[in-house]
Amino acid sequence: MAILALPVVLMHVWLSLELRMLVDFWQQATPMPPRLQTSFVRELKPLELAPPPVKPVEQARPHSRRSAAPKSWQTEPLAPDPALEPLSAPAEALNAEEVAPAPELALNEAQSDEVAPEWPPSTRLSYDLTGNYRGAVYGEAQVEWLRQGSHYQMHLDVSVGPSIAPLMVRRMSSDGFLDGAGIAPKRYDEDTRVVLSQRRRATVQFDLGQVTLADGRSEVAPAGVQDAASQFVQLTWLFLTGRETLRPGLVVEIPLALPRRQYRWRYEVMGQVELQTPMGPLNTWHLRPSALATGGDMTAEVWLAPSLQYLPVRLRIRQDAQTFVDLMLKSPALQAAADTSSH
């Protein structure tokens, strides 16, 4: 029996290796979009603003969906944050049969500047990083929101360890267009490099009401679907324009396509929190997902500052209850020239 089973086992191993090679080839054959270029020329000053006028939700226009540190580095674990208990329930996965697909949109319509003035100008935010991966980890992170007309990019760069020789570097990038329903991603890329390990890439493509996940599976994409990076600016846009009004207990639902699966994501507004920042104390709203992602996908909490155009002052990104990074704003936000936005 063992002799008979051996060829079957070897065949499964071979098929697994071939599948991995095909996925790697598919990922490498689609280079990341070139990064938009801009100049950050001014600091964003905190400003106490009156609540924005509540706008009626516009009829959603159709979207065009085209296309931690090594184990050897161990220190004392961080003390748990009593305000952030582990999230144990799995996030609700989307059933493709229940999802209404996002209709097509002509490219020239997607690139219109009609909706661009609602959005913040290109912005750079720099963060100090702390966290836990079998011990305390430290580093830095940077978020760049880049916009040229209705073409946007969102980049989240995380570096763990010394800046001159980081132990782990991860870039999360979203590229797409803006329309009357918010952000319409075309593509999401996740690029991870860990010292003494092989570089890993994961790509999610959005195209004509379909989403192609990192393993090559194609599924129906719900209208308004976001990726791991674009979701934060979608939240900013909802509150900045008054489409949603922050209040304790509010639940905001965002369809989310992460590299391994889709989710029906729900953010609950936990309440107001004052955070100490280099610009002084800032009043923020804490939004927390109602469940934890599964299978290695990341879960994020966010603290938005109304006086800074509802941009994220703090982010906490979890892989599981014990593995997370916490990003805290370490310097004033920088923005492009004011004439790129109406705000």
C-alpha atoms as a PDB file:
ATOM      1  CA  MET A   1       0.000   0.000   0.000  1.00  0.00           C
ATOM      2  CA  ALA A   2       2.839   2.378   0.813  1.00  0.00           C
ATOM      3  CA  ILE A   3       4.448   1.706  -2.568  1.00  0.00           C
ATOM      4  CA  LEU A   4       1.131   2.347  -4.330  1.00  0.00           C
ATOM      5  CA  ALA A   5       0.491   5.549  -2.368  1.00  0.00           C
ATOM      6  CA  LEU A   6       3.939   7.017  -3.027  1.00  0.00           C
ATOM      7  CA  PRO A   7       3.269   7.998  -6.678  1.00  0.00           C
ATOM      8  CA  VAL A   8       0.004   9.667  -5.656  1.00  0.00           C
ATOM      9  CA  VAL A   9       1.760  11.701  -2.959  1.00  0.00           C
ATOM     10  CA  LEU A  10       4.522  12.693  -5.376  1.00  0.00           C
ATOM     11  CA  MET A  11       1.931  13.718  -7.966  1.00  0.00           C
ATOM     12  CA  HIS A  12       0.159  15.978  -5.426  1.00  0.00           C
ATOM     13  CA  VAL A  13       3.470  17.574  -4.442  1.00  0.00           C
ATOM     14  CA  TRP A  14       4.339  18.163  -8.109  1.00  0.00           C
ATOM     15  CA  LEU A  15       0.922  19.683  -8.851  1.00  0.00           C
ATOM     16  CA  SER A  16       1.230  21.980  -5.829  1.00  0.00           C
ATOM     17  CA  LEU A  17       4.635  23.189  -6.982  1.00  0.00           C
ATOM     18  CA  GLU A  18       3.386  23.734 -10.525  1.00  0.00           C
ATOM     19  CA  LEU A  19       0.384  25.721  -9.255  1.00  0.00           C
ATOM     20  CA  ARG A  20       2.640  27.865  -7.073  1.00  0.00           C
ATOM     21  CA  MET A  21       4.915  28.525 -10.060  1.00  0.00           C
ATOM     22  CA  LEU A  22       1.931  29.484 -12.239  1.00  0.00           C
ATOM     23  CA  VAL A  23       0.617  31.919  -9.614  1.00  0.00           C
ATOM     24  CA  ASP A  24       4.105  33.411  -9.141  1.00  0.00           C
ATOM     25  CA  PHE A  25       4.489  33.786 -12.913  1.00  0.00           C
ATOM     26  CA  TRP A  26       1.072  35.457 -13.187  1.00  0.00           C
ATOM     27  CA  GLN A  27       1.957  37.886 -10.401  1.00  0.00           C
ATOM     28  CA  GLN A  28       5.390  38.733 -11.886  1.00  0.00           C
ATOM     29  CA  ALA A  29       3.960  39.116 -15.394  1.00  0.00           C
ATOM     30  CA  THR A  30       1.809  42.069 -14.260  1.00  0.00           C
ATOM     31  CA  PRO A  31       4.177  44.825 -13.048  1.00  0.00           C
ATOM     32  CA  MET A  32       2.807  47.378 -10.603  1.00  0.00           C
ATOM     33  CA  PRO A  33       1.477  50.618 -12.171  1.00  0.00           C
ATOM     34  CA  PRO A  34       4.042  53.469 -12.253  1.00  0.00           C
ATOM     35  CA  ARG A  35       3.782  55.690  -9.199  1.00  0.00           C
ATOM     36  CA  LEU A  36       2.124  59.073  -9.695  1.00  0.00           C
ATOM     37  CA  GLN A  37       4.497  61.996  -9.172  1.00  0.00           C
ATOM     38  CA  THR A  38       3.697  65.069  -7.097  1.00  0.00           C
ATOM     39  CA  SER A  39       5.351  67.683  -4.850  1.00  0.00           C
ATOM     40  CA  PHE A  40       4.319  68.112  -1.230  1.00  0.00           C
ATOM     41  CA  VAL A  41       4.658  71.831  -0.591  1.00  0.00           C
ATOM     42  CA  ARG A  42       2.736  72.655   2.591  1.00  0.00           C
ATOM     43  CA  GLU A  43       1.912  71.330   6.040  1.00  0.00           C
ATOM     44  CA  LEU A  44      -1.686  70.492   6.785  1.00  0.00           C
ATOM     45  CA  LYS A  45      -2.687  72.535   9.840  1.00  0.00           C
ATOM     46  CA  PRO A  46      -5.392  71.242  12.187  1.00  0.00           C
ATOM     47  CA  LEU A  47      -8.574  73.246  11.728  1.00  0.00           C
ATOM     48  CA  GLU A  48     -11.742  72.999  13.758  1.00  0.00           C
ATOM     49  CA  LEU A  49     -14.407  72.785  11.091  1.00  0.00           C
ATOM     50  CA  ALA A  50     -18.154  73.018  11.343  1.00  0.00           C
ATOM     51  CA  PRO A  51     -19.883  69.716  10.557  1.00  0.00           C
ATOM     52  CA  PRO A  52     -20.050  69.287   6.773  1.00  0.00           C
ATOM     53  CA  PRO A  53     -23.449  69.653   5.130  1.00  0.00           C
ATOM     54  CA  VAL A  54     -25.158  66.327   4.726  1.00  0.00           C
ATOM     55  CA  LYS A  55     -25.424  65.488   1.037  1.00  0.00           C
ATOM     56  CA  PRO A  56     -27.881  62.994  -0.385  1.00  0.00           C
ATOM     57  CA  VAL A  57     -26.240  59.788  -1.499  1.00  0.00           C
ATOM     58  CA  GLU A  58     -25.764  59.985  -5.235  1.00  0.00           C
ATOM     59  CA  GLN A  59     -26.919  57.265  -7.536  1.00  0.00           C
ATOM     60  CA  ALA A  60     -23.850  55.056  -7.882  1.00  0.00           C
ATOM     61  CA  ARG A  61     -22.393  55.353 -11.343  1.00  0.00           C
ATOM     62  CA  PRO A  62     -21.176  52.094 -12.815  1.00  0.00           C
ATOM     63  CA  HIS A  63     -17.573  51.288 -11.957  1.00  0.00           C
ATOM     64  CA  SER A  64     -14.847  50.230 -14.353  1.00  0.00           C
ATOM     65  CA  ARG A  65     -12.942  47.452 -12.574  1.00  0.00           C
ATOM     66  CA  ARG A  66      -9.903  46.888 -14.771  1.00  0.00           C
ATOM     67  CA  SER A  67      -7.258  46.156 -14.427  1.00  0.00           C
ATOM     68  CA  ALA A  68       6.816  40.876  10.316  1.00  0.00           C
ATOM     69  CA  ALA A  69       9.973  40.416  11.607  1.00  0.00           C
ATOM     70  CA  PRO A  70      11.917  37.061  11.631  1.00  0.00           C
ATOM     71  CA  LYS A  71      11.228  34.567  14.432  1.00  0.00           C
ATOM     72  CA  SER A  72      14.780  34.954  15.709  1.00  0.00           C
ATOM     73  CA  TRP A  73      14.141  38.599  16.664  1.00  0.00           C
ATOM     74  CA  GLN A  74      12.338  38.189  19.979  1.00  0.00           C
ATOM     75  CA  THR A  75      11.903  40.694  22.787  1.00  0.00           C
ATOM     76  CA  GLU A  76       9.367  41.183  25.534  1.00  0.00           C
ATOM     77  CA  PRO A  77       5.797  41.325  24.156  1.00  0.00           C
ATOM     78  CA  LEU A  78       3.872  44.568  24.311  1.00  0.00           C
ATOM     79  CA  ALA A  79       1.281  44.973  27.025  1.00  0.00           C
ATOM     80  CA  PRO A  80      -2.209  44.409  25.616  1.00  0.00           C
ATOM     81  CA  ASP A  81      -4.296  47.482  24.903  1.00  0.00           C
ATOM     82  CA  PRO A  82      -7.395  47.178  27.141  1.00  0.00           C
ATOM     83  CA  ALA A  83      -9.443  49.207  24.642  1.00  0.00           C
ATOM     84  CA  LEU A  84      -8.725  46.683  21.876  1.00  0.00           C
ATOM     85  CA  GLU A  85      -9.687  43.169  22.912  1.00  0.00           C
ATOM     86  CA  PRO A  86      -8.840  40.393  20.417  1.00  0.00           C
ATOM     87  CA  LEU A  87     -11.375  39.983  17.653  1.00  0.00           C
ATOM     88  CA  SER A  88     -12.326  36.319  17.598  1.00  0.00           C
ATOM     89  CA  ALA A  89     -15.288  35.938  15.248  1.00  0.00           C
ATOM     90  CA  PRO A  90     -14.451  35.354  11.566  1.00  0.00           C
ATOM     91  CA  ALA A  91     -15.456  38.108   9.179  1.00  0.00           C
ATOM     92  CA  GLU A  92     -18.509  37.398   7.073  1.00  0.00           C
ATOM     93  CA  ALA A  93     -17.378  36.204   3.673  1.00  0.00           C
ATOM     94  CA  LEU A  94     -19.231  37.289   0.576  1.00  0.00           C
ATOM     95  CA  ASN A  95     -21.181  34.640  -1.281  1.00  0.00           C
ATOM     96  CA  ALA A  96     -20.594  35.240  -4.986  1.00  0.00           C
ATOM     97  CA  GLU A  97     -24.148  34.099  -5.787  1.00  0.00           C
ATOM     98  CA  GLU A  98     -25.586  36.839  -3.554  1.00  0.00           C
ATOM     99  CA  VAL A  99     -23.452  39.687  -4.913  1.00  0.00           C
ATOM    100  CA  ALA A 100     -24.782  42.206  -7.420  1.00  0.00           C
ATOM    101  CA  PRO A 101     -21.975  42.817  -9.925  1.00  0.00           C
ATOM    102  CA  ALA A 102     -20.632  46.299 -10.602  1.00  0.00           C
ATOM    103  CA  PRO A 103     -21.686  47.337 -14.135  1.00  0.00           C
ATOM    104  CA  GLU A 104     -19.259  48.564 -16.790  1.00  0.00           C
ATOM    105  CA  LEU A 105     -18.099  52.157 -17.171  1.00  0.00           C
ATOM    106  CA  ALA A 106     -16.455  53.612 -20.235  1.00  0.00           C
ATOM    107  CA  LEU A 107     -12.847  54.670 -19.617  1.00  0.00           C
ATOM    108  CA  ASN A 108     -13.407  58.268 -20.703  1.00  0.00           C
ATOM    109  CA  GLU A 109     -16.231  58.554 -18.157  1.00  0.00           C
ATOM    110  CA  ALA A 110     -14.094  57.076 -15.363  1.00  0.00           C
ATOM    111  CA  GLN A 111     -11.329  59.592 -16.027  1.00  0.00           C
ATOM    112  CA  SER A 112     -13.622  62.622 -15.857  1.00  0.00           C
ATOM    113  CA  ASP A 113     -12.566  65.393 -13.442  1.00  0.00           C
ATOM    114  CA  GLU A 114     -16.217  65.946 -12.468  1.00  0.00           C
ATOM    115  CA  VAL A 115     -15.930  64.390  -8.999  1.00  0.00           C
ATOM    116  CA  ALA A 116     -12.263  65.160  -8.269  1.00  0.00           C
ATOM    117  CA  PRO A 117     -12.822  68.425  -6.282  1.00  0.00           C
ATOM    118  CA  GLU A 118     -14.555  66.461  -3.493  1.00  0.00           C
ATOM    119  CA  TRP A 119     -11.315  64.720  -2.616  1.00  0.00           C
ATOM    120  CA  PRO A 120      -8.329  65.870  -0.544  1.00  0.00           C
ATOM    121  CA  PRO A 121      -5.227  66.899  -2.505  1.00  0.00           C
ATOM    122  CA  SER A 122      -2.273  64.533  -2.630  1.00  0.00           C
ATOM    123  CA  THR A 123      -1.185  63.938   0.975  1.00  0.00           C
ATOM    124  CA  ARG A 124       1.732  62.256   2.765  1.00  0.00           C
ATOM    125  CA  LEU A 125       1.429  61.003   6.355  1.00  0.00           C
ATOM    126  CA  SER A 126       4.402  59.659   8.332  1.00  0.00           C
ATOM    127  CA  TYR A 127       4.017  57.318  11.308  1.00  0.00           C
ATOM    128  CA  ASP A 128       5.990  55.710  14.107  1.00  0.00           C
ATOM    129  CA  LEU A 129       5.436  51.956  14.192  1.00  0.00           C
ATOM    130  CA  THR A 130       5.177  49.704  17.221  1.00  0.00           C
ATOM    131  CA  GLY A 131       3.657  46.257  17.401  1.00  0.00           C
ATOM    132  CA  ASN A 132       4.036  42.627  18.265  1.00  0.00           C
ATOM    133  CA  TYR A 133       5.296  39.584  16.384  1.00  0.00           C
ATOM    134  CA  ARG A 134       6.385  37.032  18.999  1.00  0.00           C
ATOM    135  CA  GLY A 135       7.835  40.041  20.775  1.00  0.00           C
ATOM    136  CA  ALA A 136       7.901  43.802  20.426  1.00  0.00           C
ATOM    137  CA  VAL A 137       8.706  45.293  17.021  1.00  0.00           C
ATOM    138  CA  TYR A 138       9.499  48.882  16.050  1.00  0.00           C
ATOM    139  CA  GLY A 139       9.847  50.806  12.823  1.00  0.00           C
ATOM    140  CA  GLU A 140       8.181  53.438  10.679  1.00  0.00           C
ATOM    141  CA  ALA A 141       5.482  53.742   8.054  1.00  0.00           C
ATOM    142  CA  GLN A 142       4.267  56.174   5.424  1.00  0.00           C
ATOM    143  CA  VAL A 143       0.915  56.669   3.718  1.00  0.00           C
ATOM    144  CA  GLU A 144       0.677  58.551   0.430  1.00  0.00           C
ATOM    145  CA  TRP A 145      -2.633  59.511  -1.135  1.00  0.00           C
ATOM    146  CA  LEU A 146      -1.846  60.631  -4.708  1.00  0.00           C
ATOM    147  CA  ARG A 147      -4.365  62.177  -7.100  1.00  0.00           C
ATOM    148  CA  GLN A 148      -4.165  63.532 -10.634  1.00  0.00           C
ATOM    149  CA  GLY A 149      -7.655  64.514 -11.722  1.00  0.00           C
ATOM    150  CA  SER A 150      -9.802  61.442 -11.114  1.00  0.00           C
ATOM    151  CA  HIS A 151      -6.871  59.029 -11.208  1.00  0.00           C
ATOM    152  CA  TYR A 152      -5.775  58.066  -7.697  1.00  0.00           C
ATOM    153  CA  GLN A 153      -3.171  55.917  -5.984  1.00  0.00           C
ATOM    154  CA  MET A 154      -2.939  54.948  -2.317  1.00  0.00           C
ATOM    155  CA  HIS A 155       0.374  53.615  -0.968  1.00  0.00           C
ATOM    156  CA  LEU A 156       1.031  52.271   2.531  1.00  0.00           C
ATOM    157  CA  ASP A 157       4.734  51.503   3.127  1.00  0.00           C
ATOM    158  CA  VAL A 158       5.681  49.712   6.352  1.00  0.00           C
ATOM    159  CA  SER A 159       9.262  49.107   7.525  1.00  0.00           C
ATOM    160  CA  VAL A 160      10.105  47.017  10.613  1.00  0.00           C
ATOM    161  CA  GLY A 161      13.518  47.346  12.217  1.00  0.00           C
ATOM    162  CA  PRO A 162      16.344  49.894  11.689  1.00  0.00           C
ATOM    163  CA  SER A 163      15.699  52.232   8.769  1.00  0.00           C
ATOM    164  CA  ILE A 164      19.163  51.586   7.277  1.00  0.00           C
ATOM    165  CA  ALA A 165      18.682  47.788   7.341  1.00  0.00           C
ATOM    166  CA  PRO A 166      15.008  46.895   7.871  1.00  0.00           C
ATOM    167  CA  LEU A 167      14.106  43.339   8.783  1.00  0.00           C
ATOM    168  CA  MET A 168      10.796  43.487   6.950  1.00  0.00           C
ATOM    169  CA  VAL A 169       9.361  45.875   4.352  1.00  0.00           C
ATOM    170  CA  ARG A 170       5.813  45.746   3.013  1.00  0.00           C
ATOM    171  CA  ARG A 171       4.113  47.978   0.442  1.00  0.00           C
ATOM    172  CA  MET A 172       0.342  47.976  -0.018  1.00  0.00           C
ATOM    173  CA  SER A 173      -0.737  49.904  -3.122  1.00  0.00           C
ATOM    174  CA  SER A 174      -4.120  50.667  -4.698  1.00  0.00           C
ATOM    175  CA  ASP A 175      -4.597  52.198  -8.159  1.00  0.00           C
ATOM    176  CA  GLY A 176      -7.839  53.271  -9.845  1.00  0.00           C
ATOM    177  CA  PHE A 177     -10.328  56.079 -10.443  1.00  0.00           C
ATOM    178  CA  LEU A 178     -12.785  58.283  -8.540  1.00  0.00           C
ATOM    179  CA  ASP A 179     -16.464  58.554  -9.417  1.00  0.00           C
ATOM    180  CA  GLY A 180     -19.782  59.597  -7.900  1.00  0.00           C
ATOM    181  CA  ALA A 181     -19.877  56.500  -5.684  1.00  0.00           C
ATOM    182  CA  GLY A 182     -16.362  57.005  -4.316  1.00  0.00           C
ATOM    183  CA  ILE A 183     -13.229  55.018  -5.071  1.00  0.00           C
ATOM    184  CA  ALA A 184     -13.269  52.515  -7.938  1.00  0.00           C
ATOM    185  CA  PRO A 185     -10.090  50.404  -7.631  1.00  0.00           C
ATOM    186  CA  LYS A 186      -8.570  48.800 -10.713  1.00  0.00           C
ATOM    187  CA  ARG A 187      -5.759  46.984  -8.959  1.00  0.00           C
ATOM    188  CA  TYR A 188      -4.271  46.256  -5.537  1.00  0.00           C
ATOM    189  CA  ASP A 189      -0.673  45.077  -4.964  1.00  0.00           C
ATOM    190  CA  GLU A 190       1.007  43.769  -1.825  1.00  0.00           C
ATOM    191  CA  ASP A 191       4.794  43.414  -1.943  1.00  0.00           C
ATOM    192  CA  THR A 192       6.581  41.912   1.094  1.00  0.00           C
ATOM    193  CA  ARG A 193      10.308  41.474   1.667  1.00  0.00           C
ATOM    194  CA  VAL A 194      11.624  39.771   4.823  1.00  0.00           C
ATOM    195  CA  VAL A 195      15.347  39.350   5.483  1.00  0.00           C
ATOM    196  CA  LEU A 196      16.563  35.824   4.643  1.00  0.00           C
ATOM    197  CA  SER A 197      13.202  34.994   3.056  1.00  0.00           C
ATOM    198  CA  GLN A 198      11.832  34.958  -0.476  1.00  0.00           C
ATOM    199  CA  ARG A 199      10.090  38.110  -1.690  1.00  0.00           C
ATOM    200  CA  ARG A 200       6.281  37.705  -1.861  1.00  0.00           C
ATOM    201  CA  ARG A 201       3.788  39.442  -4.143  1.00  0.00           C
ATOM    202  CA  ALA A 202      -0.005  39.408  -4.078  1.00  0.00           C
ATOM    203  CA  THR A 203      -2.174  41.169  -6.661  1.00  0.00           C
ATOM    204  CA  VAL A 204      -5.937  41.720  -6.821  1.00  0.00           C
ATOM    205  CA  GLN A 205      -7.422  42.886 -10.141  1.00  0.00           C
ATOM    206  CA  PHE A 206     -10.841  44.565 -10.612  1.00  0.00           C
ATOM    207  CA  ASP A 207     -12.378  44.370 -14.088  1.00  0.00           C
ATOM    208  CA  LEU A 208     -15.940  44.721 -15.447  1.00  0.00           C
ATOM    209  CA  GLY A 209     -17.799  43.569 -12.359  1.00  0.00           C
ATOM    210  CA  GLN A 210     -15.256  40.847 -11.576  1.00  0.00           C
ATOM    211  CA  VAL A 211     -12.416  40.580  -9.065  1.00  0.00           C
ATOM    212  CA  THR A 212      -9.408  38.306  -9.550  1.00  0.00           C
ATOM    213  CA  LEU A 213      -7.858  37.325  -6.228  1.00  0.00           C
ATOM    214  CA  ALA A 214      -4.186  36.672  -5.533  1.00  0.00           C
ATOM    215  CA  ASP A 215      -4.430  32.951  -6.345  1.00  0.00           C
ATOM    216  CA  GLY A 216      -5.984  33.650  -9.755  1.00  0.00           C
ATOM    217  CA  ARG A 217      -9.601  32.875  -8.798  1.00  0.00           C
ATOM    218  CA  SER A 218     -12.160  35.152 -10.480  1.00  0.00           C
ATOM    219  CA  GLU A 219     -15.319  36.107  -8.562  1.00  0.00           C
ATOM    220  CA  VAL A 220     -18.231  38.502  -8.959  1.00  0.00           C
ATOM    221  CA  ALA A 221     -17.336  41.949  -7.543  1.00  0.00           C
ATOM    222  CA  PRO A 222     -20.067  43.785  -5.599  1.00  0.00           C
ATOM    223  CA  ALA A 223     -20.744  47.424  -6.429  1.00  0.00           C
ATOM    224  CA  GLY A 224     -18.570  49.725  -4.324  1.00  0.00           C
ATOM    225  CA  VAL A 225     -15.973  47.050  -3.486  1.00  0.00           C
ATOM    226  CA  GLN A 226     -12.720  48.339  -1.978  1.00  0.00           C
ATOM    227  CA  ASP A 227      -9.270  46.856  -1.409  1.00  0.00           C
ATOM    228  CA  ALA A 228      -7.049  46.746   1.677  1.00  0.00           C
ATOM    229  CA  ALA A 229      -5.573  50.221   1.005  1.00  0.00           C
ATOM    230  CA  SER A 230      -8.412  52.147  -0.681  1.00  0.00           C
ATOM    231  CA  GLN A 231     -10.882  51.457   2.146  1.00  0.00           C
ATOM    232  CA  PHE A 232      -9.277  54.120   4.371  1.00  0.00           C
ATOM    233  CA  VAL A 233      -9.718  56.931   1.849  1.00  0.00           C
ATOM    234  CA  GLN A 234     -13.251  55.738   1.069  1.00  0.00           C
ATOM    235  CA  LEU A 235     -14.055  56.237   4.763  1.00  0.00           C
ATOM    236  CA  THR A 236     -12.418  59.685   4.695  1.00  0.00           C
ATOM    237  CA  TRP A 237     -14.528  60.664   1.654  1.00  0.00           C
ATOM    238  CA  LEU A 238     -17.789  59.463   3.219  1.00  0.00           C
ATOM    239  CA  PHE A 239     -17.296  61.663   6.300  1.00  0.00           C
ATOM    240  CA  LEU A 240     -15.583  64.609   4.600  1.00  0.00           C
ATOM    241  CA  THR A 241     -18.493  65.074   2.183  1.00  0.00           C
ATOM    242  CA  GLY A 242     -21.223  64.491   4.783  1.00  0.00           C
ATOM    243  CA  ARG A 243     -22.517  61.322   3.136  1.00  0.00           C
ATOM    244  CA  GLU A 244     -22.107  59.743   6.570  1.00  0.00           C
ATOM    245  CA  THR A 245     -22.132  61.579   9.912  1.00  0.00           C
ATOM    246  CA  LEU A 246     -19.874  60.235  12.634  1.00  0.00           C
ATOM    247  CA  ARG A 247     -21.699  59.216  15.794  1.00  0.00           C
ATOM    248  CA  PRO A 248     -21.172  56.433  18.351  1.00  0.00           C
ATOM    249  CA  GLY A 249     -22.730  53.173  17.234  1.00  0.00           C
ATOM    250  CA  LEU A 250     -22.818  54.042  13.526  1.00  0.00           C
ATOM    251  CA  VAL A 251     -21.977  50.998  11.380  1.00  0.00           C
ATOM    252  CA  VAL A 252     -20.482  51.573   7.915  1.00  0.00           C
ATOM    253  CA  GLU A 253     -20.526  48.584   5.567  1.00  0.00           C
ATOM    254  CA  ILE A 254     -17.822  48.308   2.904  1.00  0.00           C
ATOM    255  CA  PRO A 255     -17.491  45.329   0.532  1.00  0.00           C
ATOM    256  CA  LEU A 256     -13.823  44.396   0.730  1.00  0.00           C
ATOM    257  CA  ALA A 257     -11.680  42.280  -1.610  1.00  0.00           C
ATOM    258  CA  LEU A 258      -8.565  41.156   0.259  1.00  0.00           C
ATOM    259  CA  PRO A 259      -5.921  38.996  -1.443  1.00  0.00           C
ATOM    260  CA  ARG A 260      -7.383  35.656  -0.309  1.00  0.00           C
ATOM    261  CA  ARG A 261     -11.141  36.261  -0.211  1.00  0.00           C
ATOM    262  CA  GLN A 262     -13.936  38.822  -0.270  1.00  0.00           C
ATOM    263  CA  TYR A 263     -15.711  40.107   2.837  1.00  0.00           C
ATOM    264  CA  ARG A 264     -18.820  42.053   3.733  1.00  0.00           C
ATOM    265  CA  TRP A 265     -16.896  44.425   6.008  1.00  0.00           C
ATOM    266  CA  ARG A 266     -18.533  46.449   8.783  1.00  0.00           C
ATOM    267  CA  TYR A 267     -16.844  49.296  10.658  1.00  0.00           C
ATOM    268  CA  GLU A 268     -18.467  50.371  13.921  1.00  0.00           C
ATOM    269  CA  VAL A 269     -17.852  53.880  15.300  1.00  0.00           C
ATOM    270  CA  MET A 270     -16.693  53.243  18.875  1.00  0.00           C
ATOM    271  CA  GLY A 271     -16.603  56.903  19.948  1.00  0.00           C
ATOM    272  CA  GLN A 272     -14.304  59.915  20.227  1.00  0.00           C
ATOM    273  CA  VAL A 273     -10.700  59.588  21.439  1.00  0.00           C
ATOM    274  CA  GLU A 274      -8.181  62.374  22.058  1.00  0.00           C
ATOM    275  CA  LEU A 275      -4.731  61.436  20.754  1.00  0.00           C
ATOM    276  CA  GLN A 276      -1.477  63.195  21.592  1.00  0.00           C
ATOM    277  CA  THR A 277       0.358  64.102  18.371  1.00  0.00           C
ATOM    278  CA  PRO A 278       3.275  66.352  17.315  1.00  0.00           C
ATOM    279  CA  MET A 279       0.609  68.950  16.459  1.00  0.00           C
ATOM    280  CA  GLY A 280      -0.836  68.751  19.957  1.00  0.00           C
ATOM    281  CA  PRO A 281      -3.919  66.874  21.132  1.00  0.00           C
ATOM    282  CA  LEU A 282      -6.278  65.892  18.319  1.00  0.00           C
ATOM    283  CA  ASN A 283      -9.851  64.785  18.666  1.00  0.00           C
ATOM    284  CA  THR A 284     -10.405  61.605  16.622  1.00  0.00           C
ATOM    285  CA  TRP A 285     -13.139  59.073  15.949  1.00  0.00           C
ATOM    286  CA  HIS A 286     -12.237  55.422  16.509  1.00  0.00           C
ATOM    287  CA  LEU A 287     -13.628  52.972  13.929  1.00  0.00           C
ATOM    288  CA  ARG A 288     -13.281  49.269  14.600  1.00  0.00           C
ATOM    289  CA  PRO A 289     -14.229  46.316  12.375  1.00  0.00           C
ATOM    290  CA  SER A 290     -16.884  44.017  13.786  1.00  0.00           C
ATOM    291  CA  ALA A 291     -14.835  40.867  13.073  1.00  0.00           C
ATOM    292  CA  LEU A 292     -11.350  39.603  12.311  1.00  0.00           C
ATOM    293  CA  ALA A 293     -10.275  38.583   8.806  1.00  0.00           C
ATOM    294  CA  THR A 294      -9.201  34.970   8.334  1.00  0.00           C
ATOM    295  CA  GLY A 295      -6.595  32.928   6.473  1.00  0.00           C
ATOM    296  CA  GLY A 296      -3.748  35.447   6.826  1.00  0.00           C
ATOM    297  CA  ASP A 297      -5.682  38.488   5.533  1.00  0.00           C
ATOM    298  CA  MET A 298      -5.210  41.715   7.498  1.00  0.00           C
ATOM    299  CA  THR A 299      -7.740  43.537   9.698  1.00  0.00           C
ATOM    300  CA  ALA A 300      -7.412  47.281  10.360  1.00  0.00           C
ATOM    301  CA  GLU A 301      -8.744  49.740  12.923  1.00  0.00           C
ATOM    302  CA  VAL A 302      -8.568  53.459  12.191  1.00  0.00           C
ATOM    303  CA  TRP A 303      -8.717  56.761  14.096  1.00  0.00           C
ATOM    304  CA  LEU A 304      -9.909  59.647  11.861  1.00  0.00           C
ATOM    305  CA  ALA A 305      -9.322  63.336  12.705  1.00  0.00           C
ATOM    306  CA  PRO A 306     -12.095  65.734  11.550  1.00  0.00           C
ATOM    307  CA  SER A 307      -9.712  68.695  11.911  1.00  0.00           C
ATOM    308  CA  LEU A 308      -7.301  67.049   9.448  1.00  0.00           C
ATOM    309  CA  GLN A 309      -9.813  66.371   6.664  1.00  0.00           C
ATOM    310  CA  TYR A 310     -10.817  63.087   8.366  1.00  0.00           C
ATOM    311  CA  LEU A 311      -7.406  61.589   7.547  1.00  0.00           C
ATOM    312  CA  PRO A 312      -6.129  58.615   9.614  1.00  0.00           C
ATOM    313  CA  VAL A 313      -4.033  59.776  12.576  1.00  0.00           C
ATOM    314  CA  ARG A 314      -3.637  56.222  13.869  1.00  0.00           C
ATOM    315  CA  LEU A 315      -3.930  52.783  12.260  1.00  0.00           C
ATOM    316  CA  ARG A 316      -3.748  49.373  13.893  1.00  0.00           C
ATOM    317  CA  ILE A 317      -3.330  46.487  11.444  1.00  0.00           C
ATOM    318  CA  ARG A 318      -3.780  42.943  12.736  1.00  0.00           C
ATOM    319  CA  GLN A 319      -2.950  39.572  11.245  1.00  0.00           C
ATOM    320  CA  ASP A 320      -4.333  37.774  14.310  1.00  0.00           C
ATOM    321  CA  ALA A 321      -4.953  38.515  17.978  1.00  0.00           C
ATOM    322  CA  GLN A 322      -1.210  38.376  18.817  1.00  0.00           C
ATOM    323  CA  THR A 323       0.338  39.783  15.613  1.00  0.00           C
ATOM    324  CA  PHE A 324      -0.195  43.453  14.811  1.00  0.00           C
ATOM    325  CA  VAL A 325       1.423  46.789  14.028  1.00  0.00           C
ATOM    326  CA  ASP A 326       0.266  50.119  15.417  1.00  0.00           C
ATOM    327  CA  LEU A 327       0.943  53.276  13.374  1.00  0.00           C
ATOM    328  CA  MET A 328       0.849  56.661  15.120  1.00  0.00           C
ATOM    329  CA  LEU A 329       1.273  59.994  13.290  1.00  0.00           C
ATOM    330  CA  LYS A 330       4.752  61.357  14.079  1.00  0.00           C
ATOM    331  CA  SER A 331       4.851  64.651  12.130  1.00  0.00           C
ATOM    332  CA  PRO A 332       2.464  67.088  10.431  1.00  0.00           C
ATOM    333  CA  ALA A 333       0.842  65.812   7.256  1.00  0.00           C
ATOM    334  CA  LEU A 334       2.206  67.230   4.000  1.00  0.00           C
ATOM    335  CA  GLN A 335       0.006  68.125   1.033  1.00  0.00           C
ATOM    336  CA  ALA A 336       0.310  69.175  -2.581  1.00  0.00           C
ATOM    337  CA  ALA A 337      -0.654  72.670  -3.731  1.00  0.00           C
ATOM    338  CA  ALA A 338      -4.092  73.738  -2.546  1.00  0.00           C
ATOM    339  CA  ASP A 339      -5.378  74.301  -6.077  1.00  0.00           C
ATOM    340  CA  THR A 340      -5.657  70.521  -6.601  1.00  0.00           C
ATOM    341  CA  SER A 341      -8.665  70.382  -4.265  1.00  0.00           C
ATOM    342  CA  SER A 342     -11.665  72.390  -3.221  1.00  0.00           C
ATOM    343  CA  HIS A 343     -10.978  71.676   0.478  1.00  0.00           C
END
